[in-house]
Amino acid sequence: MAAYLIFQRDTTKDPEEMKTYAGLAGPSMAGHAATPHVVYGKHEVLEGPDVEGVVVVSFPTMEEAKAWYDSPAYTAARAHRFKGSDYRVVLVQGI
């Protein structure tokens, strides 16, 4: 069953770290069945606190999403995201 990783960027702390993250995150998907659906497009918060941006990526299963998230390539990329911004990341199973 499909799974979706939803990234919400709350605040940017270090734009240079985010540039490094951006350069590493996309290539880290090579070899994984990831499909980006939303990548920081126009958004409107209807409830809750504002966010700077949203990314939605689908995978065939939750296990495959976690395999990418925990992969060495993305682990290296996300270290820069942790330094560069505050995010909320949710993995949710589709229907």
PDB file of N, CA and C in Angstrom:
ATOM      1  N   MET A   1       0.850  -1.185   0.000  1.00  0.00           N
ATOM      2  CA  MET A   1       0.000   0.000   0.000  1.00  0.00           C
ATOM      3  C   MET A   1       0.892   1.244   0.000  1.00  0.00           C
ATOM      4  N   ALA A   2       0.540   2.235  -0.788  1.00  0.00           N
ATOM      5  CA  ALA A   2       1.351   3.449  -0.917  1.00  0.00           C
ATOM      6  C   ALA A   2       1.553   4.138   0.430  1.00  0.00           C
ATOM      7  N   ALA A   3       2.677   4.815   0.532  1.00  0.00           N
ATOM      8  CA  ALA A   3       2.998   5.584   1.732  1.00  0.00           C
ATOM      9  C   ALA A   3       3.497   6.954   1.301  1.00  0.00           C
ATOM     10  N   TYR A   4       3.250   7.932   2.141  1.00  0.00           N
ATOM     11  CA  TYR A   4       3.610   9.311   1.827  1.00  0.00           C
ATOM     12  C   TYR A   4       4.454   9.889   2.946  1.00  0.00           C
ATOM     13  N   LEU A   5       5.564  10.500   2.567  1.00  0.00           N
ATOM     14  CA  LEU A   5       6.370  11.277   3.500  1.00  0.00           C
ATOM     15  C   LEU A   5       5.993  12.734   3.286  1.00  0.00           C
ATOM     16  N   ILE A   6       5.583  13.382   4.362  1.00  0.00           N
ATOM     17  CA  ILE A   6       5.171  14.784   4.303  1.00  0.00           C
ATOM     18  C   ILE A   6       6.142  15.597   5.148  1.00  0.00           C
ATOM     19  N   PHE A   7       6.822  16.505   4.499  1.00  0.00           N
ATOM     20  CA  PHE A   7       7.790  17.372   5.152  1.00  0.00           C
ATOM     21  C   PHE A   7       7.188  18.767   5.251  1.00  0.00           C
ATOM     22  N   GLN A   8       7.160  19.333   6.457  1.00  0.00           N
ATOM     23  CA  GLN A   8       6.717  20.717   6.648  1.00  0.00           C
ATOM     24  C   GLN A   8       7.882  21.498   7.245  1.00  0.00           C
ATOM     25  N   ARG A   9       8.354  22.496   6.511  1.00  0.00           N
ATOM     26  CA  ARG A   9       9.428  23.353   7.029  1.00  0.00           C
ATOM     27  C   ARG A   9       8.800  24.480   7.816  1.00  0.00           C
ATOM     28  N   ASP A  10       9.130  24.533   9.104  1.00  0.00           N
ATOM     29  CA  ASP A  10       8.586  25.571   9.978  1.00  0.00           C
ATOM     30  C   ASP A  10       9.414  26.851   9.907  1.00  0.00           C
ATOM     31  N   THR A  11      10.711  26.731  10.099  1.00  0.00           N
ATOM     32  CA  THR A  11      11.586  27.913  10.071  1.00  0.00           C
ATOM     33  C   THR A  11      12.955  27.529   9.530  1.00  0.00           C
ATOM     34  N   THR A  12      13.570  28.456   8.832  1.00  0.00           N
ATOM     35  CA  THR A  12      14.933  28.272   8.346  1.00  0.00           C
ATOM     36  C   THR A  12      15.887  28.951   9.317  1.00  0.00           C
ATOM     37  N   LYS A  13      16.905  28.203   9.737  1.00  0.00           N
ATOM     38  CA  LYS A  13      17.908  28.722  10.659  1.00  0.00           C
ATOM     39  C   LYS A  13      19.209  29.081   9.945  1.00  0.00           C
ATOM     40  N   ASP A  14      19.561  28.317   8.908  1.00  0.00           N
ATOM     41  CA  ASP A  14      20.831  28.510   8.209  1.00  0.00           C
ATOM     42  C   ASP A  14      20.638  28.210   6.722  1.00  0.00           C
ATOM     43  N   PRO A  15      20.477  29.244   5.901  1.00  0.00           N
ATOM     44  CA  PRO A  15      20.247  29.034   4.465  1.00  0.00           C
ATOM     45  C   PRO A  15      21.368  28.266   3.767  1.00  0.00           C
ATOM     46  N   GLU A  16      22.606  28.423   4.213  1.00  0.00           N
ATOM     47  CA  GLU A  16      23.724  27.697   3.579  1.00  0.00           C
ATOM     48  C   GLU A  16      23.605  26.196   3.824  1.00  0.00           C
ATOM     49  N   GLU A  17      23.213  25.807   5.027  1.00  0.00           N
ATOM     50  CA  GLU A  17      22.995  24.384   5.303  1.00  0.00           C
ATOM     51  C   GLU A  17      21.857  23.843   4.440  1.00  0.00           C
ATOM     52  N   MET A  18      20.831  24.668   4.223  1.00  0.00           N
ATOM     53  CA  MET A  18      19.715  24.231   3.393  1.00  0.00           C
ATOM     54  C   MET A  18      20.120  24.088   1.926  1.00  0.00           C
ATOM     55  N   LYS A  19      21.042  24.910   1.459  1.00  0.00           N
ATOM     56  CA  LYS A  19      21.556  24.748   0.087  1.00  0.00           C
ATOM     57  C   LYS A  19      22.281  23.415  -0.043  1.00  0.00           C
ATOM     58  N   THR A  20      23.080  23.084   0.976  1.00  0.00           N
ATOM     59  CA  THR A  20      23.785  21.804   0.960  1.00  0.00           C
ATOM     60  C   THR A  20      22.786  20.662   0.976  1.00  0.00           C
ATOM     61  N   TYR A  21      21.782  20.761   1.839  1.00  0.00           N
ATOM     62  CA  TYR A  21      20.731  19.736   1.913  1.00  0.00           C
ATOM     63  C   TYR A  21      20.045  19.568   0.557  1.00  0.00           C
ATOM     64  N   ALA A  22      19.667  20.664  -0.061  1.00  0.00           N
ATOM     65  CA  ALA A  22      18.967  20.606  -1.349  1.00  0.00           C
ATOM     66  C   ALA A  22      19.812  19.890  -2.402  1.00  0.00           C
ATOM     67  N   GLY A  23      21.114  20.101  -2.364  1.00  0.00           N
ATOM     68  CA  GLY A  23      21.999  19.448  -3.327  1.00  0.00           C
ATOM     69  C   GLY A  23      22.169  17.955  -3.099  1.00  0.00           C
ATOM     70  N   LEU A  24      21.901  17.499  -1.888  1.00  0.00           N
ATOM     71  CA  LEU A  24      22.077  16.091  -1.547  1.00  0.00           C
ATOM     72  C   LEU A  24      20.766  15.301  -1.510  1.00  0.00           C
ATOM     73  N   ALA A  25      19.667  15.951  -1.145  1.00  0.00           N
ATOM     74  CA  ALA A  25      18.404  15.238  -0.929  1.00  0.00           C
ATOM     75  C   ALA A  25      17.870  14.593  -2.204  1.00  0.00           C
ATOM     76  N   GLY A  26      17.799  15.351  -3.283  1.00  0.00           N
ATOM     77  CA  GLY A  26      17.275  14.795  -4.541  1.00  0.00           C
ATOM     78  C   GLY A  26      18.060  13.583  -5.024  1.00  0.00           C
ATOM     79  N   PRO A  27      19.387  13.713  -5.145  1.00  0.00           N
ATOM     80  CA  PRO A  27      20.176  12.563  -5.592  1.00  0.00           C
ATOM     81  C   PRO A  27      20.087  11.353  -4.663  1.00  0.00           C
ATOM     82  N   SER A  28      19.753  11.565  -3.390  1.00  0.00           N
ATOM     83  CA  SER A  28      19.653  10.440  -2.457  1.00  0.00           C
ATOM     84  C   SER A  28      18.485   9.513  -2.809  1.00  0.00           C
ATOM     85  N   MET A  29      17.582   9.968  -3.661  1.00  0.00           N
ATOM     86  CA  MET A  29      16.434   9.144  -4.059  1.00  0.00           C
ATOM     87  C   MET A  29      16.768   8.146  -5.161  1.00  0.00           C
ATOM     88  N   ALA A  30      17.944   8.272  -5.754  1.00  0.00           N
ATOM     89  CA  ALA A  30      18.336   7.340  -6.811  1.00  0.00           C
ATOM     90  C   ALA A  30      18.302   5.914  -6.280  1.00  0.00           C
ATOM     91  N   GLY A  31      17.680   5.026  -7.033  1.00  0.00           N
ATOM     92  CA  GLY A  31      17.578   3.638  -6.633  1.00  0.00           C
ATOM     93  C   GLY A  31      16.407   3.345  -5.710  1.00  0.00           C
ATOM     94  N   HIS A  32      15.654   4.367  -5.342  1.00  0.00           N
ATOM     95  CA  HIS A  32      14.468   4.196  -4.500  1.00  0.00           C
ATOM     96  C   HIS A  32      13.236   4.551  -5.335  1.00  0.00           C
ATOM     97  N   ALA A  33      12.138   3.880  -5.066  1.00  0.00           N
ATOM     98  CA  ALA A  33      10.896   4.118  -5.814  1.00  0.00           C
ATOM     99  C   ALA A  33      10.147   5.302  -5.209  1.00  0.00           C
ATOM    100  N   ALA A  34      10.756   6.467  -5.302  1.00  0.00           N
ATOM    101  CA  ALA A  34      10.192   7.692  -4.735  1.00  0.00           C
ATOM    102  C   ALA A  34       9.582   8.529  -5.851  1.00  0.00           C
ATOM    103  N   THR A  35       8.407   9.095  -5.566  1.00  0.00           N
ATOM    104  CA  THR A  35       7.754   9.985  -6.520  1.00  0.00           C
ATOM    105  C   THR A  35       7.413  11.286  -5.815  1.00  0.00           C
ATOM    106  N   PRO A  36       8.105  12.387  -6.150  1.00  0.00           N
ATOM    107  CA  PRO A  36       7.742  13.686  -5.568  1.00  0.00           C
ATOM    108  C   PRO A  36       6.407  14.160  -6.147  1.00  0.00           C
ATOM    109  N   HIS A  37       5.539  14.657  -5.278  1.00  0.00           N
ATOM    110  CA  HIS A  37       4.245  15.193  -5.700  1.00  0.00           C
ATOM    111  C   HIS A  37       4.153  16.695  -5.447  1.00  0.00           C
ATOM    112  N   VAL A  38       4.765  17.137  -4.371  1.00  0.00           N
ATOM    113  CA  VAL A  38       4.753  18.549  -3.986  1.00  0.00           C
ATOM    114  C   VAL A  38       6.163  18.900  -3.535  1.00  0.00           C
ATOM    115  N   VAL A  39       6.713  19.972  -4.095  1.00  0.00           N
ATOM    116  CA  VAL A  39       8.048  20.415  -3.692  1.00  0.00           C
ATOM    117  C   VAL A  39       8.007  21.938  -3.555  1.00  0.00           C
ATOM    118  N   TYR A  40       7.654  22.386  -2.372  1.00  0.00           N
ATOM    119  CA  TYR A  40       7.630  23.803  -2.019  1.00  0.00           C
ATOM    120  C   TYR A  40       6.792  24.648  -2.973  1.00  0.00           C
ATOM    121  N   GLY A  41       5.669  24.113  -3.398  1.00  0.00           N
ATOM    122  CA  GLY A  41       4.760  24.883  -4.237  1.00  0.00           C
ATOM    123  C   GLY A  41       3.978  25.899  -3.412  1.00  0.00           C
ATOM    124  N   LYS A  42       3.179  26.678  -4.111  1.00  0.00           N
ATOM    125  CA  LYS A  42       2.316  27.648  -3.442  1.00  0.00           C
ATOM    126  C   LYS A  42       1.432  26.894  -2.443  1.00  0.00           C
ATOM    127  N   HIS A  43       1.297  27.453  -1.248  1.00  0.00           N
ATOM    128  CA  HIS A  43       0.475  26.798  -0.232  1.00  0.00           C
ATOM    129  C   HIS A  43      -0.301  27.830   0.579  1.00  0.00           C
ATOM    130  N   GLU A  44      -1.320  27.354   1.236  1.00  0.00           N
ATOM    131  CA  GLU A  44      -2.147  28.183   2.118  1.00  0.00           C
ATOM    132  C   GLU A  44      -2.461  27.358   3.358  1.00  0.00           C
ATOM    133  N   VAL A  45      -2.069  27.836   4.512  1.00  0.00           N
ATOM    134  CA  VAL A  45      -2.359  27.147   5.764  1.00  0.00           C
ATOM    135  C   VAL A  45      -3.789  27.483   6.165  1.00  0.00           C
ATOM    136  N   LEU A  46      -4.620  26.465   6.281  1.00  0.00           N
ATOM    137  CA  LEU A  46      -6.019  26.671   6.641  1.00  0.00           C
ATOM    138  C   LEU A  46      -6.260  26.502   8.135  1.00  0.00           C
ATOM    139  N   GLU A  47      -5.390  25.729   8.809  1.00  0.00           N
ATOM    140  CA  GLU A  47      -5.494  25.535  10.252  1.00  0.00           C
ATOM    141  C   GLU A  47      -4.087  25.369  10.814  1.00  0.00           C
ATOM    142  N   GLY A  48      -3.890  25.808  12.029  1.00  0.00           N
ATOM    143  CA  GLY A  48      -2.618  25.610  12.705  1.00  0.00           C
ATOM    144  C   GLY A  48      -1.591  26.667  12.353  1.00  0.00           C
ATOM    145  N   PRO A  49      -0.385  26.482  12.873  1.00  0.00           N
ATOM    146  CA  PRO A  49       0.672  27.467  12.656  1.00  0.00           C
ATOM    147  C   PRO A  49       1.139  27.496  11.202  1.00  0.00           C
ATOM    148  N   ASP A  50       1.640  28.639  10.787  1.00  0.00           N
ATOM    149  CA  ASP A  50       2.135  28.804   9.425  1.00  0.00           C
ATOM    150  C   ASP A  50       3.347  27.912   9.194  1.00  0.00           C
ATOM    151  N   VAL A  51       3.596  27.563   7.943  1.00  0.00           N
ATOM    152  CA  VAL A  51       4.783  26.812   7.543  1.00  0.00           C
ATOM    153  C   VAL A  51       5.447  27.560   6.399  1.00  0.00           C
ATOM    154  N   GLU A  52       6.761  27.388   6.279  1.00  0.00           N
ATOM    155  CA  GLU A  52       7.488  28.011   5.172  1.00  0.00           C
ATOM    156  C   GLU A  52       7.331  27.220   3.875  1.00  0.00           C
ATOM    157  N   GLY A  53       7.177  25.920   3.988  1.00  0.00           N
ATOM    158  CA  GLY A  53       7.078  25.110   2.787  1.00  0.00           C
ATOM    159  C   GLY A  53       6.694  23.682   3.092  1.00  0.00           C
ATOM    160  N   VAL A  54       6.259  22.971   2.041  1.00  0.00           N
ATOM    161  CA  VAL A  54       5.789  21.592   2.175  1.00  0.00           C
ATOM    162  C   VAL A  54       6.343  20.766   1.015  1.00  0.00           C
ATOM    163  N   VAL A  55       6.734  19.530   1.347  1.00  0.00           N
ATOM    164  CA  VAL A  55       7.150  18.544   0.346  1.00  0.00           C
ATOM    165  C   VAL A  55       6.368  17.267   0.628  1.00  0.00           C
ATOM    166  N   VAL A  56       5.841  16.641  -0.433  1.00  0.00           N
ATOM    167  CA  VAL A  56       5.144  15.355  -0.310  1.00  0.00           C
ATOM    168  C   VAL A  56       5.777  14.400  -1.321  1.00  0.00           C
ATOM    169  N   VAL A  57       6.250  13.257  -0.817  1.00  0.00           N
ATOM    170  CA  VAL A  57       6.886  12.238  -1.652  1.00  0.00           C
ATOM    171  C   VAL A  57       6.199  10.911  -1.368  1.00  0.00           C
ATOM    172  N   SER A  58       5.830  10.186  -2.421  1.00  0.00           N
ATOM    173  CA  SER A  58       5.209   8.880  -2.219  1.00  0.00           C
ATOM    174  C   SER A  58       6.198   7.760  -2.502  1.00  0.00           C
ATOM    175  N   PHE A  59       5.930   6.629  -1.853  1.00  0.00           N
ATOM    176  CA  PHE A  59       6.688   5.390  -2.016  1.00  0.00           C
ATOM    177  C   PHE A  59       5.673   4.255  -2.116  1.00  0.00           C
ATOM    178  N   PRO A  60       6.041   3.131  -2.688  1.00  0.00           N
ATOM    179  CA  PRO A  60       5.096   2.019  -2.789  1.00  0.00           C
ATOM    180  C   PRO A  60       4.632   1.470  -1.434  1.00  0.00           C
ATOM    181  N   THR A  61       5.502   1.508  -0.438  1.00  0.00           N
ATOM    182  CA  THR A  61       5.161   0.990   0.894  1.00  0.00           C
ATOM    183  C   THR A  61       5.828   1.849   1.966  1.00  0.00           C
ATOM    184  N   MET A  62       5.367   1.695   3.196  1.00  0.00           N
ATOM    185  CA  MET A  62       6.000   2.389   4.319  1.00  0.00           C
ATOM    186  C   MET A  62       7.435   1.894   4.515  1.00  0.00           C
ATOM    187  N   GLU A  63       7.644   0.608   4.296  1.00  0.00           N
ATOM    188  CA  GLU A  63       8.988   0.047   4.450  1.00  0.00           C
ATOM    189  C   GLU A  63       9.965   0.667   3.452  1.00  0.00           C
ATOM    190  N   GLU A  64       9.499   0.878   2.217  1.00  0.00           N
ATOM    191  CA  GLU A  64      10.374   1.489   1.217  1.00  0.00           C
ATOM    192  C   GLU A  64      10.648   2.959   1.541  1.00  0.00           C
ATOM    193  N   ALA A  65       9.668   3.642   2.093  1.00  0.00           N
ATOM    194  CA  ALA A  65       9.884   5.033   2.507  1.00  0.00           C
ATOM    195  C   ALA A  65      10.922   5.098   3.612  1.00  0.00           C
ATOM    196  N   LYS A  66      10.803   4.209   4.590  1.00  0.00           N
ATOM    197  CA  LYS A  66      11.763   4.192   5.689  1.00  0.00           C
ATOM    198  C   LYS A  66      13.146   3.762   5.214  1.00  0.00           C
ATOM    199  N   ALA A  67      13.194   2.872   4.227  1.00  0.00           N
ATOM    200  CA  ALA A  67      14.492   2.460   3.676  1.00  0.00           C
ATOM    201  C   ALA A  67      15.210   3.654   3.063  1.00  0.00           C
ATOM    202  N   TRP A  68      14.473   4.502   2.351  1.00  0.00           N
ATOM    203  CA  TRP A  68      15.107   5.712   1.808  1.00  0.00           C
ATOM    204  C   TRP A  68      15.483   6.661   2.939  1.00  0.00           C
ATOM    205  N   TYR A  69      14.545   6.928   3.853  1.00  0.00           N
ATOM    206  CA  TYR A  69      14.785   7.889   4.936  1.00  0.00           C
ATOM    207  C   TYR A  69      16.010   7.502   5.765  1.00  0.00           C
ATOM    208  N   ASP A  70      16.203   6.208   5.975  1.00  0.00           N
ATOM    209  CA  ASP A  70      17.324   5.726   6.780  1.00  0.00           C
ATOM    210  C   ASP A  70      18.545   5.334   5.955  1.00  0.00           C
ATOM    211  N   SER A  71      18.489   5.558   4.645  1.00  0.00           N
ATOM    212  CA  SER A  71      19.622   5.202   3.786  1.00  0.00           C
ATOM    213  C   SER A  71      20.833   6.071   4.114  1.00  0.00           C
ATOM    214  N   PRO A  72      22.029   5.564   3.851  1.00  0.00           N
ATOM    215  CA  PRO A  72      23.233   6.370   4.109  1.00  0.00           C
ATOM    216  C   PRO A  72      23.210   7.718   3.372  1.00  0.00           C
ATOM    217  N   ALA A  73      22.729   7.720   2.126  1.00  0.00           N
ATOM    218  CA  ALA A  73      22.726   8.968   1.349  1.00  0.00           C
ATOM    219  C   ALA A  73      21.783   9.999   1.965  1.00  0.00           C
ATOM    220  N   TYR A  74      20.568   9.581   2.368  1.00  0.00           N
ATOM    221  CA  TYR A  74      19.663  10.563   2.941  1.00  0.00           C
ATOM    222  C   TYR A  74      20.034  10.913   4.379  1.00  0.00           C
ATOM    223  N   THR A  75      20.605   9.968   5.101  1.00  0.00           N
ATOM    224  CA  THR A  75      21.077  10.275   6.457  1.00  0.00           C
ATOM    225  C   THR A  75      22.111  11.401   6.410  1.00  0.00           C
ATOM    226  N   ALA A  76      23.009  11.342   5.427  1.00  0.00           N
ATOM    227  CA  ALA A  76      24.007  12.410   5.266  1.00  0.00           C
ATOM    228  C   ALA A  76      23.336  13.723   4.884  1.00  0.00           C
ATOM    229  N   ALA A  77      22.341  13.662   4.006  1.00  0.00           N
ATOM    230  CA  ALA A  77      21.637  14.883   3.584  1.00  0.00           C
ATOM    231  C   ALA A  77      20.867  15.496   4.740  1.00  0.00           C
ATOM    232  N   ARG A  78      20.123  14.669   5.471  1.00  0.00           N
ATOM    233  CA  ARG A  78      19.258  15.229   6.511  1.00  0.00           C
ATOM    234  C   ARG A  78      20.030  15.841   7.667  1.00  0.00           C
ATOM    235  N   ALA A  79      21.286  15.455   7.844  1.00  0.00           N
ATOM    236  CA  ALA A  79      22.114  16.106   8.867  1.00  0.00           C
ATOM    237  C   ALA A  79      22.200  17.604   8.595  1.00  0.00           C
ATOM    238  N   HIS A  80      22.245  17.982   7.327  1.00  0.00           N
ATOM    239  CA  HIS A  80      22.274  19.405   6.960  1.00  0.00           C
ATOM    240  C   HIS A  80      20.901  20.047   7.164  1.00  0.00           C
ATOM    241  N   ARG A  81      19.842  19.289   6.903  1.00  0.00           N
ATOM    242  CA  ARG A  81      18.486  19.803   7.150  1.00  0.00           C
ATOM    243  C   ARG A  81      18.289  20.076   8.637  1.00  0.00           C
ATOM    244  N   PHE A  82      18.773  19.172   9.473  1.00  0.00           N
ATOM    245  CA  PHE A  82      18.645  19.365  10.925  1.00  0.00           C
ATOM    246  C   PHE A  82      19.345  20.649  11.370  1.00  0.00           C
ATOM    247  N   LYS A  83      20.493  20.953  10.768  1.00  0.00           N
ATOM    248  CA  LYS A  83      21.237  22.177  11.112  1.00  0.00           C
ATOM    249  C   LYS A  83      20.599  23.415  10.493  1.00  0.00           C
ATOM    250  N   GLY A  84      19.960  23.244   9.342  1.00  0.00           N
ATOM    251  CA  GLY A  84      19.491  24.383   8.572  1.00  0.00           C
ATOM    252  C   GLY A  84      18.081  24.844   8.841  1.00  0.00           C
ATOM    253  N   SER A  85      17.215  23.961   9.339  1.00  0.00           N
ATOM    254  CA  SER A  85      15.804  24.323   9.499  1.00  0.00           C
ATOM    255  C   SER A  85      15.136  23.458  10.554  1.00  0.00           C
ATOM    256  N   ASP A  86      13.978  23.926  10.976  1.00  0.00           N
ATOM    257  CA  ASP A  86      13.103  23.126  11.828  1.00  0.00           C
ATOM    258  C   ASP A  86      11.985  22.583  10.949  1.00  0.00           C
ATOM    259  N   TYR A  87      11.825  21.274  10.960  1.00  0.00           N
ATOM    260  CA  TYR A  87      10.827  20.577  10.148  1.00  0.00           C
ATOM    261  C   TYR A  87       9.952  19.698  11.026  1.00  0.00           C
ATOM    262  N   ARG A  88       8.806  19.354  10.497  1.00  0.00           N
ATOM    263  CA  ARG A  88       7.996  18.242  10.975  1.00  0.00           C
ATOM    264  C   ARG A  88       7.923  17.275   9.803  1.00  0.00           C
ATOM    265  N   VAL A  89       8.165  16.006  10.062  1.00  0.00           N
ATOM    266  CA  VAL A  89       8.135  14.995   9.003  1.00  0.00           C
ATOM    267  C   VAL A  89       7.216  13.873   9.471  1.00  0.00           C
ATOM    268  N   VAL A  90       6.243  13.534   8.625  1.00  0.00           N
ATOM    269  CA  VAL A  90       5.261  12.508   8.949  1.00  0.00           C
ATOM    270  C   VAL A  90       5.259  11.470   7.836  1.00  0.00           C
ATOM    271  N   LEU A  91       5.271  10.205   8.218  1.00  0.00           N
ATOM    272  CA  LEU A  91       5.104   9.105   7.279  1.00  0.00           C
ATOM    273  C   LEU A  91       3.702   8.558   7.481  1.00  0.00           C
ATOM    274  N   VAL A  92       2.911   8.541   6.418  1.00  0.00           N
ATOM    275  CA  VAL A  92       1.517   8.106   6.534  1.00  0.00           C
ATOM    276  C   VAL A  92       1.200   7.104   5.428  1.00  0.00           C
ATOM    277  N   GLN A  93       0.462   6.073   5.800  1.00  0.00           N
ATOM    278  CA  GLN A  93       0.054   5.059   4.828  1.00  0.00           C
ATOM    279  C   GLN A  93      -1.162   5.545   4.059  1.00  0.00           C
ATOM    280  N   GLY A  94      -1.136   5.322   2.751  1.00  0.00           N
ATOM    281  CA  GLY A  94      -2.255   5.713   1.896  1.00  0.00           C
ATOM    282  C   GLY A  94      -3.378   4.694   1.954  1.00  0.00           C
ATOM    283  N   ILE A  95      -4.410   4.961   1.159  1.00  0.00           N
ATOM    284  CA  ILE A  95      -5.553   4.037   1.122  1.00  0.00           C
ATOM    285  C   ILE A  95      -5.607   3.325  -0.212  1.00  0.00           C
TER     286      ILE A  95
END
